[in-house]
């Protein structure tokens, strides 16, 4: 399932059992890169458990897509305050 279609509690990163909500919270807290996501969560650590991911690959691409998609929205909302 694509992350856009996933429910908020869906696991995105199987290495660290990180959910879509965890990643969204990190983005809201200021994460703007994969390194930032790593600092806020246990996602994108490159653990071999990515084989548990139904896609059979690491979540890096999905997390980067989430950053690209949500960061501008969060930034725009913060500017309006």
Foldseek 3Di string as FASTA:
>chain_A
DALVPDDQCDQLFPVFSDGNVQLVVQLLVPDQAPVSSVVSGVAPPPDPCCCVVPVRDGNRVRSNVCSVPCNVVSVVVVVVD
